């Protein structure tokens, strides 16, 4: 029997989640804050790329935790993802 996409992704993500759990929280938060600082302070397109990395990370975590979240938690995390993606697009696409 073939596994679903979700099952395959959860299985493939397990080693990465274990590594992330092994990293001290201040270091993980520091890297995230650093990427956000680059996204705010760096010139185009580097700022957008930094926000795309943050968006990919947030989207990955949202996908992995979706089934365990309540509706308000889903809405808030999806809003954060949409906001990060919107900022990435604005920072990558030149003003016309």
PDB file of N, CA and C in Angstrom:
ATOM      1  N   UNK A   1       0.845  -1.180   0.000  1.00  0.00           N
ATOM      2  CA  UNK A   1       0.000   0.000   0.000  1.00  0.00           C
ATOM      3  C   UNK A   1       0.887   1.240   0.000  1.00  0.00           C
ATOM      4  N   UNK A   2       0.593   2.175  -0.855  1.00  0.00           N
ATOM      5  CA  UNK A   2       1.375   3.407  -0.966  1.00  0.00           C
ATOM      6  C   UNK A   2       0.986   4.370   0.150  1.00  0.00           C
ATOM      7  N   UNK A   3       1.988   5.035   0.666  1.00  0.00           N
ATOM      8  CA  UNK A   3       1.746   6.018   1.715  1.00  0.00           C
ATOM      9  C   UNK A   3       1.268   7.324   1.100  1.00  0.00           C
ATOM     10  N   UNK A   4       0.495   8.073   1.857  1.00  0.00           N
ATOM     11  CA  UNK A   4       0.028   9.369   1.379  1.00  0.00           C
ATOM     12  C   UNK A   4       1.185  10.362   1.389  1.00  0.00           C
ATOM     13  N   UNK A   5       0.970  11.474   0.695  1.00  0.00           N
ATOM     14  CA  UNK A   5       1.991  12.521   0.657  1.00  0.00           C
ATOM     15  C   UNK A   5       2.327  13.005   2.060  1.00  0.00           C
ATOM     16  N   UNK A   6       1.297  13.195   2.876  1.00  0.00           N
ATOM     17  CA  UNK A   6       1.515  13.658   4.245  1.00  0.00           C
ATOM     18  C   UNK A   6       2.373  12.670   5.024  1.00  0.00           C
ATOM     19  N   UNK A   7       2.076  11.393   4.916  1.00  0.00           N
ATOM     20  CA  UNK A   7       2.849  10.372   5.636  1.00  0.00           C
ATOM     21  C   UNK A   7       4.298  10.346   5.178  1.00  0.00           C
ATOM     22  N   UNK A   8       4.497  10.448   3.864  1.00  0.00           N
ATOM     23  CA  UNK A   8       5.875  10.456   3.349  1.00  0.00           C
ATOM     24  C   UNK A   8       6.634  11.678   3.828  1.00  0.00           C
ATOM     25  N   UNK A   9       5.982  12.844   3.810  1.00  0.00           N
ATOM     26  CA  UNK A   9       6.651  14.064   4.257  1.00  0.00           C
ATOM     27  C   UNK A   9       6.924  14.026   5.756  1.00  0.00           C
ATOM     28  N   UNK A  10       5.988  13.536   6.542  1.00  0.00           N
ATOM     29  CA  UNK A  10       6.222  13.413   7.980  1.00  0.00           C
ATOM     30  C   UNK A  10       7.390  12.474   8.259  1.00  0.00           C
ATOM     31  N   UNK A  11       7.432  11.371   7.536  1.00  0.00           N
ATOM     32  CA  UNK A  11       8.523  10.404   7.715  1.00  0.00           C
ATOM     33  C   UNK A  11       9.862  11.025   7.305  1.00  0.00           C
ATOM     34  N   UNK A  12       9.889  11.746   6.198  1.00  0.00           N
ATOM     35  CA  UNK A  12      11.126  12.389   5.742  1.00  0.00           C
ATOM     36  C   UNK A  12      11.540  13.538   6.663  1.00  0.00           C
ATOM     37  N   UNK A  13      10.577  14.176   7.324  1.00  0.00           N
ATOM     38  CA  UNK A  13      10.866  15.315   8.197  1.00  0.00           C
ATOM     39  C   UNK A  13      11.345  14.897   9.578  1.00  0.00           C
ATOM     40  N   UNK A  14      11.101  13.664   9.952  1.00  0.00           N
ATOM     41  CA  UNK A  14      11.428  13.223  11.303  1.00  0.00           C
ATOM     42  C   UNK A  14      12.884  13.499  11.691  1.00  0.00           C
ATOM     43  N   UNK A  15      13.886  13.142  10.867  1.00  0.00           N
ATOM     44  CA  UNK A  15      15.270  13.432  11.268  1.00  0.00           C
ATOM     45  C   UNK A  15      15.542  14.928  11.425  1.00  0.00           C
ATOM     46  N   UNK A  16      14.900  15.736  10.571  1.00  0.00           N
ATOM     47  CA  UNK A  16      15.111  17.180  10.662  1.00  0.00           C
ATOM     48  C   UNK A  16      14.469  17.759  11.932  1.00  0.00           C
ATOM     49  N   UNK A  17      13.315  17.232  12.295  1.00  0.00           N
ATOM     50  CA  UNK A  17      12.661  17.691  13.527  1.00  0.00           C
ATOM     51  C   UNK A  17      13.499  17.286  14.741  1.00  0.00           C
ATOM     52  N   UNK A  18      14.073  16.096  14.711  1.00  0.00           N
ATOM     53  CA  UNK A  18      14.952  15.658  15.807  1.00  0.00           C
ATOM     54  C   UNK A  18      16.171  16.563  15.923  1.00  0.00           C
ATOM     55  N   UNK A  19      16.760  16.928  14.787  1.00  0.00           N
ATOM     56  CA  UNK A  19      17.913  17.844  14.817  1.00  0.00           C
ATOM     57  C   UNK A  19      17.508  19.211  15.356  1.00  0.00           C
ATOM     58  N   UNK A  20      16.345  19.677  14.932  1.00  0.00           N
ATOM     59  CA  UNK A  20      15.860  20.967  15.403  1.00  0.00           C
ATOM     60  C   UNK A  20      15.609  20.936  16.904  1.00  0.00           C
ATOM     61  N   UNK A  21      15.101  19.830  17.419  1.00  0.00           N
ATOM     62  CA  UNK A  21      14.891  19.695  18.862  1.00  0.00           C
ATOM     63  C   UNK A  21      16.200  19.647  19.627  1.00  0.00           C
ATOM     64  N   UNK A  22      17.283  19.190  18.983  1.00  0.00           N
ATOM     65  CA  UNK A  22      18.582  19.103  19.645  1.00  0.00           C
ATOM     66  C   UNK A  22      19.261  20.470  19.756  1.00  0.00           C
ATOM     67  N   UNK A  23      18.861  21.407  18.904  1.00  0.00           N
ATOM     68  CA  UNK A  23      19.455  22.746  18.925  1.00  0.00           C
ATOM     69  C   UNK A  23      18.851  23.526  20.098  1.00  0.00           C
ATOM     70  N   UNK A  24      19.697  24.225  20.883  1.00  0.00           N
ATOM     71  CA  UNK A  24      19.140  25.045  21.974  1.00  0.00           C
ATOM     72  C   UNK A  24      18.170  26.101  21.426  1.00  0.00           C
ATOM     73  N   UNK A  25      17.091  26.316  22.139  1.00  0.00           N
ATOM     74  CA  UNK A  25      16.068  27.252  21.661  1.00  0.00           C
ATOM     75  C   UNK A  25      16.592  28.652  21.391  1.00  0.00           C
ATOM     76  N   UNK A  26      17.471  29.204  22.250  1.00  0.00           N
ATOM     77  CA  UNK A  26      17.978  30.547  21.928  1.00  0.00           C
ATOM     78  C   UNK A  26      18.727  30.600  20.594  1.00  0.00           C
ATOM     79  N   UNK A  27      19.392  29.525  20.233  1.00  0.00           N
ATOM     80  CA  UNK A  27      20.103  29.499  18.955  1.00  0.00           C
ATOM     81  C   UNK A  27      19.094  29.469  17.797  1.00  0.00           C
ATOM     82  N   UNK A  28      18.083  28.638  17.897  1.00  0.00           N
ATOM     83  CA  UNK A  28      17.068  28.543  16.843  1.00  0.00           C
ATOM     84  C   UNK A  28      16.327  29.870  16.686  1.00  0.00           C
ATOM     85  N   UNK A  29      15.950  30.478  17.791  1.00  0.00           N
ATOM     86  CA  UNK A  29      15.261  31.773  17.738  1.00  0.00           C
ATOM     87  C   UNK A  29      16.201  32.834  17.185  1.00  0.00           C
ATOM     88  N   UNK A  30      17.472  32.773  17.566  1.00  0.00           N
ATOM     89  CA  UNK A  30      18.451  33.726  17.057  1.00  0.00           C
ATOM     90  C   UNK A  30      18.620  33.639  15.549  1.00  0.00           C
ATOM     91  N   UNK A  31      18.637  32.425  15.013  1.00  0.00           N
ATOM     92  CA  UNK A  31      18.742  32.261  13.562  1.00  0.00           C
ATOM     93  C   UNK A  31      17.505  32.831  12.876  1.00  0.00           C
ATOM     94  N   UNK A  32      16.339  32.562  13.423  1.00  0.00           N
ATOM     95  CA  UNK A  32      15.101  33.088  12.847  1.00  0.00           C
ATOM     96  C   UNK A  32      15.085  34.615  12.903  1.00  0.00           C
ATOM     97  N   UNK A  33      15.465  35.190  14.029  1.00  0.00           N
ATOM     98  CA  UNK A  33      15.511  36.647  14.163  1.00  0.00           C
ATOM     99  C   UNK A  33      16.556  37.229  13.210  1.00  0.00           C
ATOM    100  N   UNK A  34      17.680  36.528  13.054  1.00  0.00           N
ATOM    101  CA  UNK A  34      18.704  36.974  12.112  1.00  0.00           C
ATOM    102  C   UNK A  34      18.188  37.001  10.681  1.00  0.00           C
ATOM    103  N   UNK A  35      17.473  35.962  10.283  1.00  0.00           N
ATOM    104  CA  UNK A  35      16.896  35.948   8.938  1.00  0.00           C
ATOM    105  C   UNK A  35      15.865  37.063   8.759  1.00  0.00           C
ATOM    106  N   UNK A  36      15.073  37.310   9.781  1.00  0.00           N
ATOM    107  CA  UNK A  36      14.104  38.404   9.698  1.00  0.00           C
ATOM    108  C   UNK A  36      14.813  39.753   9.620  1.00  0.00           C
ATOM    109  N   UNK A  37      15.916  39.914  10.351  1.00  0.00           N
ATOM    110  CA  UNK A  37      16.693  41.158  10.282  1.00  0.00           C
ATOM    111  C   UNK A  37      17.278  41.350   8.887  1.00  0.00           C
ATOM    112  N   UNK A  38      17.791  40.273   8.303  1.00  0.00           N
ATOM    113  CA  UNK A  38      18.288  40.359   6.924  1.00  0.00           C
ATOM    114  C   UNK A  38      17.152  40.741   5.993  1.00  0.00           C
ATOM    115  N   UNK A  39      15.982  40.168   6.213  1.00  0.00           N
ATOM    116  CA  UNK A  39      14.829  40.483   5.387  1.00  0.00           C
ATOM    117  C   UNK A  39      14.391  41.929   5.476  1.00  0.00           C
ATOM    118  N   UNK A  40      14.600  42.534   6.626  1.00  0.00           N
ATOM    119  CA  UNK A  40      14.206  43.926   6.814  1.00  0.00           C
ATOM    120  C   UNK A  40      15.299  44.877   6.341  1.00  0.00           C
ATOM    121  N   UNK A  41      16.563  44.544   6.588  1.00  0.00           N
ATOM    122  CA  UNK A  41      17.653  45.482   6.358  1.00  0.00           C
ATOM    123  C   UNK A  41      18.412  45.307   5.048  1.00  0.00           C
ATOM    124  N   UNK A  42      18.388  44.133   4.473  1.00  0.00           N
ATOM    125  CA  UNK A  42      19.187  43.859   3.273  1.00  0.00           C
ATOM    126  C   UNK A  42      18.534  44.469   2.035  1.00  0.00           C
ATOM    127  N   UNK A  43      19.343  44.700   1.004  1.00  0.00           N
ATOM    128  CA  UNK A  43      18.770  45.201  -0.253  1.00  0.00           C
ATOM    129  C   UNK A  43      18.066  44.088  -1.018  1.00  0.00           C
ATOM    130  N   UNK A  44      17.327  44.498  -2.036  1.00  0.00           N
ATOM    131  CA  UNK A  44      16.694  43.517  -2.914  1.00  0.00           C
ATOM    132  C   UNK A  44      17.756  42.762  -3.662  1.00  0.00           C
ATOM    133  N   UNK A  45      17.623  41.561  -4.042  1.00  0.00           N
ATOM    134  CA  UNK A  45      16.584  40.578  -3.749  1.00  0.00           C
ATOM    135  C   UNK A  45      16.889  39.766  -2.503  1.00  0.00           C
ATOM    136  N   UNK A  46      18.022  40.078  -1.827  1.00  0.00           N
ATOM    137  CA  UNK A  46      18.436  39.276  -0.662  1.00  0.00           C
ATOM    138  C   UNK A  46      17.406  39.313   0.448  1.00  0.00           C
ATOM    139  N   UNK A  47      16.758  40.445   0.626  1.00  0.00           N
ATOM    140  CA  UNK A  47      15.732  40.550   1.662  1.00  0.00           C
ATOM    141  C   UNK A  47      14.573  39.605   1.359  1.00  0.00           C
ATOM    142  N   UNK A  48      14.158  39.565   0.113  1.00  0.00           N
ATOM    143  CA  UNK A  48      13.067  38.676  -0.274  1.00  0.00           C
ATOM    144  C   UNK A  48      13.439  37.212  -0.129  1.00  0.00           C
ATOM    145  N   UNK A  49      14.687  36.893  -0.451  1.00  0.00           N
ATOM    146  CA  UNK A  49      15.144  35.514  -0.310  1.00  0.00           C
ATOM    147  C   UNK A  49      15.125  35.100   1.154  1.00  0.00           C
ATOM    148  N   UNK A  50      15.544  36.001   2.043  1.00  0.00           N
ATOM    149  CA  UNK A  50      15.512  35.701   3.480  1.00  0.00           C
ATOM    150  C   UNK A  50      14.078  35.450   3.934  1.00  0.00           C
ATOM    151  N   UNK A  51      13.141  36.250   3.448  1.00  0.00           N
ATOM    152  CA  UNK A  51      11.738  36.041   3.819  1.00  0.00           C
ATOM    153  C   UNK A  51      11.174  34.763   3.197  1.00  0.00           C
ATOM    154  N   UNK A  52      11.663  34.392   2.022  1.00  0.00           N
ATOM    155  CA  UNK A  52      11.237  33.119   1.438  1.00  0.00           C
ATOM    156  C   UNK A  52      11.711  31.939   2.287  1.00  0.00           C
ATOM    157  N   UNK A  53      12.924  32.030   2.822  1.00  0.00           N
ATOM    158  CA  UNK A  53      13.433  30.967   3.700  1.00  0.00           C
ATOM    159  C   UNK A  53      12.571  30.875   4.955  1.00  0.00           C
ATOM    160  N   UNK A  54      12.259  32.017   5.540  1.00  0.00           N
ATOM    161  CA  UNK A  54      11.392  32.033   6.727  1.00  0.00           C
ATOM    162  C   UNK A  54      10.013  31.476   6.376  1.00  0.00           C
ATOM    163  N   UNK A  55       9.487  31.849   5.211  1.00  0.00           N
ATOM    164  CA  UNK A  55       8.173  31.347   4.776  1.00  0.00           C
ATOM    165  C   UNK A  55       8.188  29.834   4.584  1.00  0.00           C
ATOM    166  N   UNK A  56       9.253  29.327   3.993  1.00  0.00           N
ATOM    167  CA  UNK A  56       9.353  27.877   3.787  1.00  0.00           C
ATOM    168  C   UNK A  56       9.383  27.149   5.126  1.00  0.00           C
ATOM    169  N   UNK A  57      10.119  27.683   6.078  1.00  0.00           N
ATOM    170  CA  UNK A  57      10.200  27.068   7.400  1.00  0.00           C
ATOM    171  C   UNK A  57       8.845  27.100   8.106  1.00  0.00           C
ATOM    172  N   UNK A  58       8.198  28.242   8.078  1.00  0.00           N
ATOM    173  CA  UNK A  58       6.882  28.375   8.723  1.00  0.00           C
ATOM    174  C   UNK A  58       5.863  27.472   8.035  1.00  0.00           C
ATOM    175  N   UNK A  59       5.899  27.407   6.715  1.00  0.00           N
ATOM    176  CA  UNK A  59       4.980  26.541   5.984  1.00  0.00           C
ATOM    177  C   UNK A  59       5.198  25.073   6.294  1.00  0.00           C
ATOM    178  N   UNK A  60       6.465  24.680   6.393  1.00  0.00           N
ATOM    179  CA  UNK A  60       6.801  23.294   6.737  1.00  0.00           C
ATOM    180  C   UNK A  60       6.269  22.941   8.122  1.00  0.00           C
ATOM    181  N   UNK A  61       6.508  23.816   9.106  1.00  0.00           N
ATOM    182  CA  UNK A  61       6.000  23.564  10.460  1.00  0.00           C
ATOM    183  C   UNK A  61       4.474  23.572  10.498  1.00  0.00           C
ATOM    184  N   UNK A  62       3.864  24.466   9.749  1.00  0.00           N
ATOM    185  CA  UNK A  62       2.409  24.512   9.704  1.00  0.00           C
ATOM    186  C   UNK A  62       1.840  23.223   9.121  1.00  0.00           C
ATOM    187  N   UNK A  63       2.460  22.722   8.050  1.00  0.00           N
ATOM    188  CA  UNK A  63       1.994  21.481   7.444  1.00  0.00           C
ATOM    189  C   UNK A  63       2.117  20.310   8.414  1.00  0.00           C
ATOM    190  N   UNK A  64       3.245  20.249   9.128  1.00  0.00           N
ATOM    191  CA  UNK A  64       3.454  19.131  10.049  1.00  0.00           C
ATOM    192  C   UNK A  64       2.510  19.159  11.243  1.00  0.00           C
ATOM    193  N   UNK A  65       2.102  20.339  11.681  1.00  0.00           N
ATOM    194  CA  UNK A  65       1.287  20.457  12.888  1.00  0.00           C
ATOM    195  C   UNK A  65      -0.195  20.697  12.601  1.00  0.00           C
ATOM    196  N   UNK A  66      -0.579  20.773  11.327  1.00  0.00           N
ATOM    197  CA  UNK A  66      -1.935  21.168  10.951  1.00  0.00           C
ATOM    198  C   UNK A  66      -3.015  20.351  11.641  1.00  0.00           C
ATOM    199  N   UNK A  67      -2.874  19.050  11.701  1.00  0.00           N
ATOM    200  CA  UNK A  67      -3.923  18.195  12.259  1.00  0.00           C
ATOM    201  C   UNK A  67      -4.086  18.365  13.765  1.00  0.00           C
ATOM    202  N   UNK A  68      -3.061  18.825  14.441  1.00  0.00           N
ATOM    203  CA  UNK A  68      -3.130  18.969  15.895  1.00  0.00           C
ATOM    204  C   UNK A  68      -3.612  20.348  16.341  1.00  0.00           C
ATOM    205  N   UNK A  69      -3.707  21.287  15.413  1.00  0.00           N
ATOM    206  CA  UNK A  69      -4.045  22.658  15.763  1.00  0.00           C
ATOM    207  C   UNK A  69      -5.554  22.873  15.801  1.00  0.00           C
ATOM    208  N   UNK A  70      -5.958  23.816  16.651  1.00  0.00           N
ATOM    209  CA  UNK A  70      -7.358  24.249  16.663  1.00  0.00           C
ATOM    210  C   UNK A  70      -7.557  25.286  15.558  1.00  0.00           C
ATOM    211  N   UNK A  71      -8.791  25.620  15.259  1.00  0.00           N
ATOM    212  CA  UNK A  71      -9.082  26.564  14.183  1.00  0.00           C
ATOM    213  C   UNK A  71      -8.404  27.924  14.387  1.00  0.00           C
ATOM    214  N   UNK A  72      -8.481  28.542  15.571  1.00  0.00           N
ATOM    215  CA  UNK A  72      -7.801  29.830  15.739  1.00  0.00           C
ATOM    216  C   UNK A  72      -6.269  29.730  15.543  1.00  0.00           C
ATOM    217  N   UNK A  73      -5.682  28.639  15.989  1.00  0.00           N
ATOM    218  CA  UNK A  73      -4.242  28.444  15.796  1.00  0.00           C
ATOM    219  C   UNK A  73      -3.910  28.295  14.317  1.00  0.00           C
ATOM    220  N   UNK A  74      -4.747  27.569  13.595  1.00  0.00           N
ATOM    221  CA  UNK A  74      -4.538  27.407  12.153  1.00  0.00           C
ATOM    222  C   UNK A  74      -4.621  28.752  11.442  1.00  0.00           C
ATOM    223  N   UNK A  75      -5.644  29.526  11.783  1.00  0.00           N
ATOM    224  CA  UNK A  75      -5.838  30.819  11.137  1.00  0.00           C
ATOM    225  C   UNK A  75      -4.673  31.761  11.417  1.00  0.00           C
ATOM    226  N   UNK A  76      -4.219  31.810  12.653  1.00  0.00           N
ATOM    227  CA  UNK A  76      -3.118  32.700  13.009  1.00  0.00           C
ATOM    228  C   UNK A  76      -1.827  32.293  12.311  1.00  0.00           C
ATOM    229  N   UNK A  77      -1.520  31.018  12.300  1.00  0.00           N
ATOM    230  CA  UNK A  77      -0.286  30.563  11.655  1.00  0.00           C
ATOM    231  C   UNK A  77      -0.358  30.702  10.148  1.00  0.00           C
ATOM    232  N   UNK A  78      -1.525  30.476   9.578  1.00  0.00           N
ATOM    233  CA  UNK A  78      -1.679  30.691   8.136  1.00  0.00           C
ATOM    234  C   UNK A  78      -1.528  32.173   7.801  1.00  0.00           C
ATOM    235  N   UNK A  79      -2.025  33.051   8.662  1.00  0.00           N
ATOM    236  CA  UNK A  79      -1.873  34.488   8.443  1.00  0.00           C
ATOM    237  C   UNK A  79      -0.397  34.896   8.492  1.00  0.00           C
ATOM    238  N   UNK A  80       0.363  34.329   9.404  1.00  0.00           N
ATOM    239  CA  UNK A  80       1.798  34.613   9.479  1.00  0.00           C
ATOM    240  C   UNK A  80       2.490  34.152   8.201  1.00  0.00           C
ATOM    241  N   UNK A  81       2.109  32.984   7.707  1.00  0.00           N
ATOM    242  CA  UNK A  81       2.692  32.463   6.476  1.00  0.00           C
ATOM    243  C   UNK A  81       2.361  33.376   5.293  1.00  0.00           C
ATOM    244  N   UNK A  82       1.114  33.778   5.162  1.00  0.00           N
ATOM    245  CA  UNK A  82       0.705  34.654   4.063  1.00  0.00           C
ATOM    246  C   UNK A  82       1.427  35.997   4.164  1.00  0.00           C
ATOM    247  N   UNK A  83       1.559  36.539   5.355  1.00  0.00           N
ATOM    248  CA  UNK A  83       2.258  37.807   5.543  1.00  0.00           C
ATOM    249  C   UNK A  83       3.729  37.691   5.138  1.00  0.00           C
ATOM    250  N   UNK A  84       4.388  36.624   5.561  1.00  0.00           N
ATOM    251  CA  UNK A  84       5.803  36.428   5.207  1.00  0.00           C
ATOM    252  C   UNK A  84       5.958  36.272   3.696  1.00  0.00           C
ATOM    253  N   UNK A  85       5.062  35.530   3.067  1.00  0.00           N
ATOM    254  CA  UNK A  85       5.119  35.381   1.610  1.00  0.00           C
ATOM    255  C   UNK A  85       4.872  36.705   0.897  1.00  0.00           C
ATOM    256  N   UNK A  86       3.933  37.487   1.388  1.00  0.00           N
ATOM    257  CA  UNK A  86       3.640  38.784   0.782  1.00  0.00           C
ATOM    258  C   UNK A  86       4.845  39.717   0.892  1.00  0.00           C
ATOM    259  N   UNK A  87       5.485  39.735   2.038  1.00  0.00           N
ATOM    260  CA  UNK A  87       6.676  40.569   2.207  1.00  0.00           C
ATOM    261  C   UNK A  87       7.789  40.090   1.284  1.00  0.00           C
ATOM    262  N   UNK A  88       7.938  38.779   1.141  1.00  0.00           N
ATOM    263  CA  UNK A  88       8.966  38.238   0.241  1.00  0.00           C
ATOM    264  C   UNK A  88       8.726  38.699  -1.186  1.00  0.00           C
ATOM    265  N   UNK A  89       7.485  38.625  -1.632  1.00  0.00           N
ATOM    266  CA  UNK A  89       7.170  39.051  -3.002  1.00  0.00           C
ATOM    267  C   UNK A  89       7.456  40.532  -3.185  1.00  0.00           C
ATOM    268  N   UNK A  90       7.042  41.337  -2.215  1.00  0.00           N
ATOM    269  CA  UNK A  90       7.271  42.786  -2.306  1.00  0.00           C
ATOM    270  C   UNK A  90       8.765  43.095  -2.322  1.00  0.00           C
ATOM    271  N   UNK A  91       9.542  42.346  -1.567  1.00  0.00           N
ATOM    272  CA  UNK A  91      10.991  42.602  -1.504  1.00  0.00           C
ATOM    273  C   UNK A  91      11.751  42.045  -2.692  1.00  0.00           C
ATOM    274  N   UNK A  92      11.170  41.081  -3.416  1.00  0.00           N
ATOM    275  CA  UNK A  92      11.863  40.501  -4.572  1.00  0.00           C
ATOM    276  C   UNK A  92      11.493  41.230  -5.863  1.00  0.00           C
ATOM    277  N   UNK A  93      10.201  41.454  -6.072  1.00  0.00           N
ATOM    278  CA  UNK A  93       9.737  42.071  -7.306  1.00  0.00           C
ATOM    279  C   UNK A  93      10.043  43.566  -7.265  1.00  0.00           C
ATOM    280  N   UNK A  94      10.742  44.075  -8.288  1.00  0.00           N
ATOM    281  CA  UNK A  94      11.050  45.519  -8.294  1.00  0.00           C
ATOM    282  C   UNK A  94       9.792  46.359  -8.456  1.00  0.00           C
ATOM    283  N   UNK A  95       9.832  47.529  -7.840  1.00  0.00           N
ATOM    284  CA  UNK A  95       8.694  48.439  -7.925  1.00  0.00           C
ATOM    285  C   UNK A  95       8.561  48.942  -9.360  1.00  0.00           C
ATOM    286  N   UNK A  96       7.375  48.929  -9.860  1.00  0.00           N
ATOM    287  CA  UNK A  96       7.176  49.275 -11.263  1.00  0.00           C
ATOM    288  C   UNK A  96       6.533  50.557 -11.405  1.00  0.00           C
TER     289      UNK A  96
END
